[in-house]
Amino acid sequence: RVAERIEASGTPLGLPDAAFDAPSMVQDAYDAMIQKSPGVEVMMEAILQAARRMDAENWQRFQQIPLLHVHQDDSTVHSNLFAQNEPSWRPLLQRPKKRKQSCAFLHMGTAPMTPVP
């Protein structure tokens, strides 16, 4: 059951990557850190214990907690914070709408992007 839960998350951490949808990048970071960071090992042991002991409802809640508490400000970071510190950020995001022409952006996630009308 533990292996199934970890695999179902799409990442080696057992927690889905909902912030960037780039599990291969999470895998690369995990591989680089697991040998060098005792903190990652401690975190993984806690995640594995949770996967072993929790029922389905609590496991799902456990996976949602980081998203609710760590990534809750992502929209602010990707909008106002970037815009305040990088003058080209807002014009870059608005360029396709203003120019009425196609623009190419690099998408680093694994799920296909939704076309913007």
Foldseek 3Di string as FASTA:
>chain_A
DLVVQCVVLLAVQSAHDPPQQARVVNNVVCVVPVVPDVVSVVSSVVLSVCSVPDDPVVSVVVNCVCCVPVVVCVVVCQPVVCVVVPVCSVVVVCVCVVVVDDDDDDRNHDDDDDDDD
